C-alpha atoms as a PDB file:
ATOM      1  CA  MET A   1       0.000   0.000   0.000  1.00  0.00           C
ATOM      2  CA  LYS A   2       1.434   3.422  -0.996  1.00  0.00           C
ATOM      3  CA  HIS A   3       1.546   5.983   1.808  1.00  0.00           C
ATOM      4  CA  LYS A   4       2.302   9.720   1.509  1.00  0.00           C
ATOM      5  CA  MET A   5       4.708  10.995   4.179  1.00  0.00           C
ATOM      6  CA  LYS A   6       3.044  12.691   7.137  1.00  0.00           C
ATOM      7  CA  VAL A   7       4.639  14.729   9.922  1.00  0.00           C
ATOM      8  CA  ILE A   8       3.056  14.450  13.370  1.00  0.00           C
ATOM      9  CA  ASN A   9       3.971  16.345  16.545  1.00  0.00           C
ATOM     10  CA  SER A  10       1.379  14.984  18.955  1.00  0.00           C
ATOM     11  CA  ILE A  11       1.700  11.699  20.868  1.00  0.00           C
ATOM     12  CA  GLN A  12      -2.052  11.145  20.879  1.00  0.00           C
ATOM     13  CA  GLN A  13      -2.366  11.649  17.125  1.00  0.00           C
ATOM     14  CA  MET A  14       0.639   9.399  16.604  1.00  0.00           C
ATOM     15  CA  LYS A  15      -0.869   6.527  18.638  1.00  0.00           C
ATOM     16  CA  LYS A  16      -4.192   6.846  16.813  1.00  0.00           C
ATOM     17  CA  MET A  17      -2.534   6.592  13.419  1.00  0.00           C
ATOM     18  CA  ILE A  18      -0.351   3.619  14.401  1.00  0.00           C
ATOM     19  CA  HIS A  19      -3.413   1.866  15.803  1.00  0.00           C
ATOM     20  CA  ARG A  20      -5.168   2.313  12.452  1.00  0.00           C
ATOM     21  CA  TYR A  21      -2.303   0.769  10.442  1.00  0.00           C
ATOM     22  CA  LYS A  22      -1.807  -2.107  12.881  1.00  0.00           C
ATOM     23  CA  LYS A  23      -5.531  -2.866  12.689  1.00  0.00           C
ATOM     24  CA  GLN A  24      -5.083  -3.247   8.918  1.00  0.00           C
ATOM     25  CA  GLY A  25      -2.427  -5.868   9.676  1.00  0.00           C
ATOM     26  CA  GLU A  26       0.548  -3.707   8.600  1.00  0.00           C
ATOM     27  CA  THR A  27       3.992  -4.229  10.139  1.00  0.00           C
ATOM     28  CA  ILE A  28       5.706  -1.145  11.550  1.00  0.00           C
ATOM     29  CA  GLY A  29       9.442  -0.475  11.125  1.00  0.00           C
ATOM     30  CA  PHE A  30      10.800   2.178  13.483  1.00  0.00           C
ATOM     31  CA  VAL A  31      13.907   4.352  13.017  1.00  0.00           C
ATOM     32  CA  PRO A  32      14.645   6.584  16.035  1.00  0.00           C
ATOM     33  CA  THR A  33      16.888   9.591  15.247  1.00  0.00           C
ATOM     34  CA  MET A  34      17.955  12.963  16.613  1.00  0.00           C
ATOM     35  CA  GLY A  35      17.660  14.449  13.126  1.00  0.00           C
ATOM     36  CA  TYR A  36      20.353  16.080  10.982  1.00  0.00           C
ATOM     37  CA  LEU A  37      20.017  13.004   8.813  1.00  0.00           C
ATOM     38  CA  HIS A  38      22.877  11.436   6.863  1.00  0.00           C
ATOM     39  CA  GLU A  39      23.410   8.210   4.896  1.00  0.00           C
ATOM     40  CA  GLY A  40      23.715   6.232   8.144  1.00  0.00           C
ATOM     41  CA  HIS A  41      20.116   7.077   9.044  1.00  0.00           C
ATOM     42  CA  LEU A  42      18.981   6.428   5.479  1.00  0.00           C
ATOM     43  CA  ALA A  43      20.547   2.942   5.609  1.00  0.00           C
ATOM     44  CA  LEU A  44      18.310   2.237   8.627  1.00  0.00           C
ATOM     45  CA  VAL A  45      15.285   3.446   6.642  1.00  0.00           C
ATOM     46  CA  LYS A  46      16.257   1.315   3.640  1.00  0.00           C
ATOM     47  CA  GLN A  47      16.371  -1.851   5.740  1.00  0.00           C
ATOM     48  CA  ALA A  48      13.159  -0.903   7.585  1.00  0.00           C
ATOM     49  CA  LYS A  49      11.374  -0.439   4.237  1.00  0.00           C
ATOM     50  CA  GLU A  50      12.551  -3.805   2.956  1.00  0.00           C
ATOM     51  CA  GLU A  51      11.259  -5.593   6.053  1.00  0.00           C
ATOM     52  CA  ASN A  52       8.023  -3.731   6.930  1.00  0.00           C
ATOM     53  CA  ASP A  53       4.847  -2.276   5.401  1.00  0.00           C
ATOM     54  CA  PHE A  54       5.042   1.084   7.144  1.00  0.00           C
ATOM     55  CA  VAL A  55       8.102   3.069   8.314  1.00  0.00           C
ATOM     56  CA  VAL A  56       8.045   5.563  11.179  1.00  0.00           C
ATOM     57  CA  MET A  57      11.015   7.825  11.894  1.00  0.00           C
ATOM     58  CA  SER A  58      11.225   9.893  15.064  1.00  0.00           C
ATOM     59  CA  ILE A  59      13.225  13.121  15.071  1.00  0.00           C
ATOM     60  CA  PHE A  60      13.825  14.308  18.613  1.00  0.00           C
ATOM     61  CA  VAL A  61      16.989  15.761  20.136  1.00  0.00           C
ATOM     62  CA  ASN A  62      16.572  14.155  23.550  1.00  0.00           C
ATOM     63  CA  PRO A  63      17.711  16.467  26.373  1.00  0.00           C
ATOM     64  CA  ALA A  64      17.635  13.559  28.850  1.00  0.00           C
ATOM     65  CA  GLN A  65      20.728  11.982  27.277  1.00  0.00           C
ATOM     66  CA  PHE A  66      22.915  15.102  27.304  1.00  0.00           C
ATOM     67  CA  GLY A  67      24.933  15.830  30.443  1.00  0.00           C
ATOM     68  CA  PRO A  68      25.767  19.300  31.812  1.00  0.00           C
ATOM     69  CA  GLY A  69      28.194  21.079  29.473  1.00  0.00           C
ATOM     70  CA  GLU A  70      27.505  18.643  26.595  1.00  0.00           C
ATOM     71  CA  ASP A  71      26.402  19.845  23.173  1.00  0.00           C
ATOM     72  CA  TYR A  72      22.573  19.791  23.499  1.00  0.00           C
ATOM     73  CA  GLU A  73      22.191  23.462  22.512  1.00  0.00           C
ATOM     74  CA  THR A  74      24.664  23.244  19.619  1.00  0.00           C
ATOM     75  CA  TYR A  75      23.657  19.777  18.365  1.00  0.00           C
ATOM     76  CA  PRO A  76      23.140  20.289  14.586  1.00  0.00           C
ATOM     77  CA  ARG A  77      19.508  20.652  13.503  1.00  0.00           C
ATOM     78  CA  ASN A  78      17.922  21.187  10.064  1.00  0.00           C
ATOM     79  CA  GLU A  79      14.228  20.261   9.880  1.00  0.00           C
ATOM     80  CA  GLN A  80      13.538  21.123   6.248  1.00  0.00           C
ATOM     81  CA  ARG A  81      16.512  19.105   5.002  1.00  0.00           C
ATOM     82  CA  ASP A  82      15.507  16.211   7.269  1.00  0.00           C
ATOM     83  CA  PHE A  83      11.958  16.189   5.855  1.00  0.00           C
ATOM     84  CA  ALA A  84      13.272  16.255   2.284  1.00  0.00           C
ATOM     85  CA  LEU A  85      15.667  13.331   2.932  1.00  0.00           C
ATOM     86  CA  ALA A  86      13.039  11.325   4.826  1.00  0.00           C
ATOM     87  CA  THR A  87      10.494  11.828   2.011  1.00  0.00           C
ATOM     88  CA  GLU A  88      13.027  10.793  -0.608  1.00  0.00           C
ATOM     89  CA  ALA A  89      14.003   7.709   1.413  1.00  0.00           C
ATOM     90  CA  GLY A  90      10.363   6.621   1.589  1.00  0.00           C
ATOM     91  CA  VAL A  91       9.595   7.228   5.276  1.00  0.00           C
ATOM     92  CA  ASN A  92       5.803   7.094   5.773  1.00  0.00           C
ATOM     93  CA  LEU A  93       5.543   9.017   9.008  1.00  0.00           C
ATOM     94  CA  VAL A  94       7.875  11.427  10.802  1.00  0.00           C
ATOM     95  CA  PHE A  95       7.127  11.811  14.497  1.00  0.00           C
ATOM     96  CA  MET A  96       8.594  15.106  15.657  1.00  0.00           C
ATOM     97  CA  PRO A  97       7.462  16.034  19.158  1.00  0.00           C
ATOM     98  CA  ASP A  98       8.861  18.976  21.103  1.00  0.00           C
ATOM     99  CA  VAL A  99      10.381  18.658  24.584  1.00  0.00           C
ATOM    100  CA  VAL A 100       7.147  19.638  26.396  1.00  0.00           C
ATOM    101  CA  GLU A 101       5.194  16.981  24.463  1.00  0.00           C
ATOM    102  CA  MET A 102       7.729  14.281  25.390  1.00  0.00           C
ATOM    103  CA  TYR A 103       8.444  15.415  28.959  1.00  0.00           C
ATOM    104  CA  PRO A 104       5.387  17.352  30.204  1.00  0.00           C
ATOM    105  CA  ARG A 105       6.608  17.128  33.797  1.00  0.00           C
ATOM    106  CA  GLU A 106       9.713  16.041  35.614  1.00  0.00           C
ATOM    107  CA  SER A 107       9.745  12.300  36.104  1.00  0.00           C
ATOM    108  CA  THR A 108      10.820  10.884  39.452  1.00  0.00           C
ATOM    109  CA  ILE A 109      11.089   7.331  38.108  1.00  0.00           C
ATOM    110  CA  HIS A 110      14.479   6.486  36.622  1.00  0.00           C
ATOM    111  CA  ILE A 111      15.726   3.591  34.511  1.00  0.00           C
ATOM    112  CA  SER A 112      19.238   2.468  35.275  1.00  0.00           C
ATOM    113  CA  PRO A 113      21.070   0.642  32.478  1.00  0.00           C
ATOM    114  CA  GLY A 114      23.340  -1.503  34.696  1.00  0.00           C
ATOM    115  CA  ASN A 115      26.948  -2.604  34.136  1.00  0.00           C
ATOM    116  CA  GLN A 116      26.954  -2.209  30.358  1.00  0.00           C
ATOM    117  CA  ALA A 117      26.780   1.567  30.909  1.00  0.00           C
ATOM    118  CA  ASN A 118      30.025   1.590  32.911  1.00  0.00           C
ATOM    119  CA  ALA A 119      32.270   0.909  29.902  1.00  0.00           C
ATOM    120  CA  LEU A 120      33.147   2.898  26.736  1.00  0.00           C
ATOM    121  CA  CYS A 121      31.193   6.193  26.415  1.00  0.00           C
ATOM    122  CA  GLY A 122      29.306   5.525  29.632  1.00  0.00           C
ATOM    123  CA  MET A 123      32.500   6.079  31.641  1.00  0.00           C
ATOM    124  CA  SER A 124      32.783   9.736  30.664  1.00  0.00           C
ATOM    125  CA  ARG A 125      29.033  10.358  30.223  1.00  0.00           C
ATOM    126  CA  PRO A 126      27.339   9.364  33.493  1.00  0.00           C
ATOM    127  CA  GLY A 127      23.546   9.350  33.130  1.00  0.00           C
ATOM    128  CA  HIS A 128      23.707   9.365  29.325  1.00  0.00           C
ATOM    129  CA  PHE A 129      22.267   5.870  28.845  1.00  0.00           C
ATOM    130  CA  ASP A 130      19.603   6.441  31.534  1.00  0.00           C
ATOM    131  CA  GLY A 131      18.388   9.218  29.206  1.00  0.00           C
ATOM    132  CA  VAL A 132      18.618   6.976  26.130  1.00  0.00           C
ATOM    133  CA  LEU A 133      16.534   4.226  27.778  1.00  0.00           C
ATOM    134  CA  LYS A 134      14.005   6.774  29.034  1.00  0.00           C
ATOM    135  CA  VAL A 135      13.299   8.104  25.540  1.00  0.00           C
ATOM    136  CA  ILE A 136      13.437   4.650  23.901  1.00  0.00           C
ATOM    137  CA  LEU A 137      10.927   3.238  26.397  1.00  0.00           C
ATOM    138  CA  LYS A 138       8.559   6.139  25.694  1.00  0.00           C
ATOM    139  CA  LEU A 139       8.966   5.829  21.913  1.00  0.00           C
ATOM    140  CA  PHE A 140       8.469   2.040  21.955  1.00  0.00           C
ATOM    141  CA  ASN A 141       5.267   2.506  23.967  1.00  0.00           C
ATOM    142  CA  MET A 142       3.956   5.183  21.607  1.00  0.00           C
ATOM    143  CA  ILE A 143       4.861   3.472  18.327  1.00  0.00           C
ATOM    144  CA  GLU A 144       4.691  -0.231  19.252  1.00  0.00           C
ATOM    145  CA  PRO A 145       7.029  -1.118  16.362  1.00  0.00           C
ATOM    146  CA  THR A 146       7.231  -4.603  14.891  1.00  0.00           C
ATOM    147  CA  ARG A 147      10.959  -4.034  14.293  1.00  0.00           C
ATOM    148  CA  SER A 148      13.287  -1.233  15.433  1.00  0.00           C
ATOM    149  CA  TYR A 149      16.485  -0.257  13.606  1.00  0.00           C
ATOM    150  CA  PHE A 150      19.766   0.816  15.202  1.00  0.00           C
ATOM    151  CA  GLY A 151      23.160   1.502  13.679  1.00  0.00           C
ATOM    152  CA  MET A 152      26.167  -0.505  14.827  1.00  0.00           C
ATOM    153  CA  LYS A 153      28.256   2.681  15.076  1.00  0.00           C
ATOM    154  CA  ASP A 154      26.585   3.349  18.428  1.00  0.00           C
ATOM    155  CA  ALA A 155      27.511  -0.131  19.581  1.00  0.00           C
ATOM    156  CA  GLN A 156      27.206   0.494  23.318  1.00  0.00           C
ATOM    157  CA  GLN A 157      23.745   1.980  22.837  1.00  0.00           C
ATOM    158  CA  LEU A 158      22.816  -1.030  20.687  1.00  0.00           C
ATOM    159  CA  ALA A 159      24.073  -3.512  23.310  1.00  0.00           C
ATOM    160  CA  ILE A 160      22.142  -1.773  26.099  1.00  0.00           C
ATOM    161  CA  ILE A 161      18.928  -1.544  24.056  1.00  0.00           C
ATOM    162  CA  GLU A 162      19.166  -5.211  22.987  1.00  0.00           C
ATOM    163  CA  THR A 163      19.549  -6.186  26.666  1.00  0.00           C
ATOM    164  CA  PHE A 164      16.687  -3.862  27.722  1.00  0.00           C
ATOM    165  CA  VAL A 165      14.336  -5.375  25.130  1.00  0.00           C
ATOM    166  CA  GLU A 166      15.291  -8.944  26.046  1.00  0.00           C
ATOM    167  CA  ASP A 167      15.162  -8.439  29.829  1.00  0.00           C
ATOM    168  CA  PHE A 168      11.792  -6.664  29.814  1.00  0.00           C
ATOM    169  CA  ASN A 169      10.028  -8.658  27.067  1.00  0.00           C
ATOM    170  CA  PHE A 170       9.375  -5.772  24.692  1.00  0.00           C
ATOM    171  CA  ASN A 171       7.259  -6.688  21.738  1.00  0.00           C
ATOM    172  CA  THR A 172       9.717  -5.395  19.124  1.00  0.00           C
ATOM    173  CA  GLU A 173      12.612  -7.020  17.321  1.00  0.00           C
ATOM    174  CA  ILE A 174      15.898  -5.082  17.377  1.00  0.00           C
ATOM    175  CA  ARG A 175      17.630  -5.060  13.996  1.00  0.00           C
ATOM    176  CA  ARG A 176      21.362  -4.222  13.739  1.00  0.00           C
ATOM    177  CA  VAL A 177      22.383  -2.149  10.719  1.00  0.00           C
ATOM    178  CA  PRO A 178      26.090  -1.921   9.713  1.00  0.00           C
ATOM    179  CA  THR A 179      27.913   1.421  10.045  1.00  0.00           C
ATOM    180  CA  VAL A 180      27.848   3.563   6.911  1.00  0.00           C
ATOM    181  CA  ARG A 181      31.211   5.145   6.081  1.00  0.00           C
ATOM    182  CA  GLU A 182      32.655   7.892   3.930  1.00  0.00           C
ATOM    183  CA  ALA A 183      34.908   6.742   1.056  1.00  0.00           C
ATOM    184  CA  ASP A 184      37.943   7.221   3.321  1.00  0.00           C
ATOM    185  CA  GLY A 185      36.481   5.049   6.093  1.00  0.00           C
ATOM    186  CA  LEU A 186      35.253   7.745   8.496  1.00  0.00           C
ATOM    187  CA  ALA A 187      31.966   6.649  10.106  1.00  0.00           C
ATOM    188  CA  LYS A 188      29.080   8.916   9.058  1.00  0.00           C
ATOM    189  CA  SER A 189      27.912  11.076  11.959  1.00  0.00           C
ATOM    190  CA  SER A 190      25.830  14.222  12.379  1.00  0.00           C
ATOM    191  CA  ARG A 191      28.726  15.619  14.400  1.00  0.00           C
ATOM    192  CA  ASN A 192      31.295  15.325  11.558  1.00  0.00           C
ATOM    193  CA  VAL A 193      30.280  18.799  10.314  1.00  0.00           C
ATOM    194  CA  ARG A 194      32.001  20.271  13.369  1.00  0.00           C
ATOM    195  CA  LEU A 195      35.466  18.986  12.449  1.00  0.00           C
ATOM    196  CA  SER A 196      37.945  21.566  11.135  1.00  0.00           C
ATOM    197  CA  ALA A 197      39.428  20.866   7.667  1.00  0.00           C
ATOM    198  CA  GLU A 198      42.610  19.597   9.288  1.00  0.00           C
ATOM    199  CA  GLU A 199      40.749  17.353  11.751  1.00  0.00           C
ATOM    200  CA  ARG A 200      38.614  15.991   8.911  1.00  0.00           C
ATOM    201  CA  ASN A 201      41.829  14.932   7.139  1.00  0.00           C
ATOM    202  CA  GLU A 202      43.066  13.182  10.275  1.00  0.00           C
ATOM    203  CA  ALA A 203      39.760  11.520  11.267  1.00  0.00           C
ATOM    204  CA  PRO A 204      39.977   8.462   8.923  1.00  0.00           C
ATOM    205  CA  ILE A 205      42.922   7.223  11.027  1.00  0.00           C
ATOM    206  CA  ILE A 206      40.335   6.081  13.599  1.00  0.00           C
ATOM    207  CA  TYR A 207      38.917   3.387  11.315  1.00  0.00           C
ATOM    208  CA  GLN A 208      42.403   2.507  10.050  1.00  0.00           C
ATOM    209  CA  ALA A 209      43.451   1.936  13.679  1.00  0.00           C
ATOM    210  CA  LEU A 210      40.417  -0.298  14.337  1.00  0.00           C
ATOM    211  CA  THR A 211      41.164  -2.295  11.187  1.00  0.00           C
ATOM    212  CA  LEU A 212      44.771  -2.704  12.343  1.00  0.00           C
ATOM    213  CA  GLY A 213      43.530  -3.775  15.794  1.00  0.00           C
ATOM    214  CA  LYS A 214      41.273  -6.390  14.221  1.00  0.00           C
ATOM    215  CA  GLN A 215      44.197  -7.780  12.210  1.00  0.00           C
ATOM    216  CA  VAL A 216      46.495  -7.864  15.261  1.00  0.00           C
ATOM    217  CA  PHE A 217      43.800  -9.533  17.376  1.00  0.00           C
ATOM    218  CA  LEU A 218      43.066 -12.212  14.765  1.00  0.00           C
ATOM    219  CA  GLU A 219      46.773 -12.980  14.442  1.00  0.00           C
ATOM    220  CA  THR A 220      47.716 -12.900  18.135  1.00  0.00           C
ATOM    221  CA  GLN A 221      44.480 -13.308  20.154  1.00  0.00           C
ATOM    222  CA  ASP A 222      46.035 -10.592  22.317  1.00  0.00           C
ATOM    223  CA  GLY A 223      43.623  -7.758  23.166  1.00  0.00           C
ATOM    224  CA  GLU A 224      46.259  -5.668  24.934  1.00  0.00           C
ATOM    225  CA  GLU A 225      48.620  -5.781  21.953  1.00  0.00           C
ATOM    226  CA  ALA A 226      45.729  -4.799  19.643  1.00  0.00           C
ATOM    227  CA  GLU A 227      44.887  -1.864  21.954  1.00  0.00           C
ATOM    228  CA  LYS A 228      48.528  -0.762  22.089  1.00  0.00           C
ATOM    229  CA  GLN A 229      48.954  -0.733  18.297  1.00  0.00           C
ATOM    230  CA  MET A 230      45.628   1.054  17.712  1.00  0.00           C
ATOM    231  CA  ARG A 231      46.515   3.723  20.281  1.00  0.00           C
ATOM    232  CA  GLN A 232      49.967   4.257  18.790  1.00  0.00           C
ATOM    233  CA  LEU A 233      48.618   4.693  15.246  1.00  0.00           C
ATOM    234  CA  ILE A 234      46.093   7.331  16.346  1.00  0.00           C
ATOM    235  CA  GLU A 235      48.530   9.199  18.594  1.00  0.00           C
ATOM    236  CA  GLU A 236      51.108   9.429  15.823  1.00  0.00           C
ATOM    237  CA  ASN A 237      48.674  10.565  13.115  1.00  0.00           C
ATOM    238  CA  SER A 238      46.086  12.724  14.830  1.00  0.00           C
ATOM    239  CA  SER A 239      45.743  15.839  16.987  1.00  0.00           C
ATOM    240  CA  GLY A 240      42.702  14.258  18.669  1.00  0.00           C
ATOM    241  CA  LYS A 241      42.930  13.054  22.257  1.00  0.00           C
ATOM    242  CA  ILE A 242      42.008   9.388  22.855  1.00  0.00           C
ATOM    243  CA  ASP A 243      39.191   9.073  25.366  1.00  0.00           C
ATOM    244  CA  TYR A 244      39.224   5.253  25.282  1.00  0.00           C
ATOM    245  CA  MET A 245      40.621   2.500  23.099  1.00  0.00           C
ATOM    246  CA  THR A 246      39.593  -0.991  24.094  1.00  0.00           C
ATOM    247  CA  VAL A 247      38.791  -4.609  23.223  1.00  0.00           C
ATOM    248  CA  LEU A 248      35.784  -6.057  25.096  1.00  0.00           C
ATOM    249  CA  ASP A 249      33.272  -8.906  24.985  1.00  0.00           C
ATOM    250  CA  TYR A 250      30.103  -7.995  23.044  1.00  0.00           C
ATOM    251  CA  PRO A 251      27.336  -7.339  23.960  1.00  0.00           C
ATOM    252  CA  SER A 252      28.171  -7.654  27.712  1.00  0.00           C
ATOM    253  CA  LEU A 253      30.973  -5.018  27.382  1.00  0.00           C
ATOM    254  CA  LYS A 254      32.945  -6.860  30.046  1.00  0.00           C
ATOM    255  CA  LYS A 255      36.544  -8.010  29.645  1.00  0.00           C
ATOM    256  CA  TRP A 256      36.726 -10.434  26.712  1.00  0.00           C
ATOM    257  CA  THR A 257      37.639 -14.045  27.484  1.00  0.00           C
ATOM    258  CA  ARG A 258      38.492 -17.129  25.455  1.00  0.00           C
ATOM    259  CA  SER A 259      34.828 -18.116  25.603  1.00  0.00           C
ATOM    260  CA  SER A 260      33.600 -14.808  24.050  1.00  0.00           C
ATOM    261  CA  SER A 261      31.755 -15.395  20.790  1.00  0.00           C
ATOM    262  CA  GLU A 262      31.751 -11.732  19.742  1.00  0.00           C
ATOM    263  CA  ILE A 263      34.168  -8.964  20.647  1.00  0.00           C
ATOM    264  CA  ILE A 264      34.158  -5.244  20.036  1.00  0.00           C
ATOM    265  CA  LEU A 265      37.181  -3.091  19.244  1.00  0.00           C
ATOM    266  CA  ALA A 266      36.018   0.406  20.160  1.00  0.00           C
ATOM    267  CA  CYS A 267      37.429   3.886  20.495  1.00  0.00           C
ATOM    268  CA  ALA A 268      36.460   7.494  21.133  1.00  0.00           C
ATOM    269  CA  VAL A 269      38.648  10.412  20.067  1.00  0.00           C
ATOM    270  CA  GLN A 270      38.059  13.974  21.263  1.00  0.00           C
ATOM    271  CA  PHE A 271      38.807  16.699  18.742  1.00  0.00           C
ATOM    272  CA  GLU A 272      38.533  20.403  19.545  1.00  0.00           C
ATOM    273  CA  LYS A 273      34.778  20.762  19.009  1.00  0.00           C
ATOM    274  CA  THR A 274      33.536  17.208  18.683  1.00  0.00           C
ATOM    275  CA  ARG A 275      34.062  13.678  19.909  1.00  0.00           C
ATOM    276  CA  LEU A 276      34.092  10.830  17.376  1.00  0.00           C
ATOM    277  CA  ILE A 277      33.295   7.216  18.229  1.00  0.00           C
ATOM    278  CA  ASP A 278      33.766   4.128  16.097  1.00  0.00           C
ATOM    279  CA  ASN A 279      34.059   0.374  16.471  1.00  0.00           C
ATOM    280  CA  ILE A 280      34.384  -2.977  14.766  1.00  0.00           C
ATOM    281  CA  ILE A 281      32.313  -5.892  16.065  1.00  0.00           C
ATOM    282  CA  LEU A 282      34.020  -9.184  15.371  1.00  0.00           C
ATOM    283  CA  LYS A 283      32.499 -12.680  15.508  1.00  0.00           C
ATOM    284  CA  ILE A 284      35.230 -14.902  16.895  1.00  0.00           C
ATOM    285  CA  LYS A 285      33.115 -18.066  17.215  1.00  0.00           C
ATOM    286  CA  GLY A 286      30.407 -19.616  15.109  1.00  0.00           C
END
């Protein structure tokens, strides 16, 4: 069934419309975003379209997941461009609530994401994943998606959401979508626009370091050696400051062991105005 793209700002209207499509037996694919769309988001839409009858995208810069002094105010936004890209990609419905619609009053109930939030980005962003789970829980309840699509670039977020959905029996299937990259390997991100020309030239070293780490790990089975070589490559070829550089079990994000079936090589590099994250998830068994 062909649907024309609609934009909705109200939760009530949103639920009504979803109810109508579900009643007709249509499957709902959901792509949550904070807007300023790029090819990474559009890859999520593409997969959602292939696997569902109806695709909903949310655009909401979620204040709950930004800490004090983080870039909530300066996070890039461009509604008109987002609508044009979403229309072109074949999104059926854009849900774009404002902050008052999503958080009409201060909530005293908090969701704590557990140990997975104490690794990687969670170490330097306390409370960040509490805010992610808060908004995801609300969106899942409003949209009741058949399948929900998340990029593997935000691998810690993906691991925590997969665990959340499994532990609390959500009625949605989480679909992993591979990271979309620029021709030089840099992971697509809404924050890339804030790199200076010089930083943009240096940034591809992050993925080159991860690729080197993967090679070293496969040859030596030595996570520490992989970390050391990745760190060295970035330090020698970039003005960015390494926030973390690590090899962990996935999706538990604990120390990897010989019995791990998947591992993640992950890093975060802080440039002057923006922080870039990237990772490679590697199946080492099965």
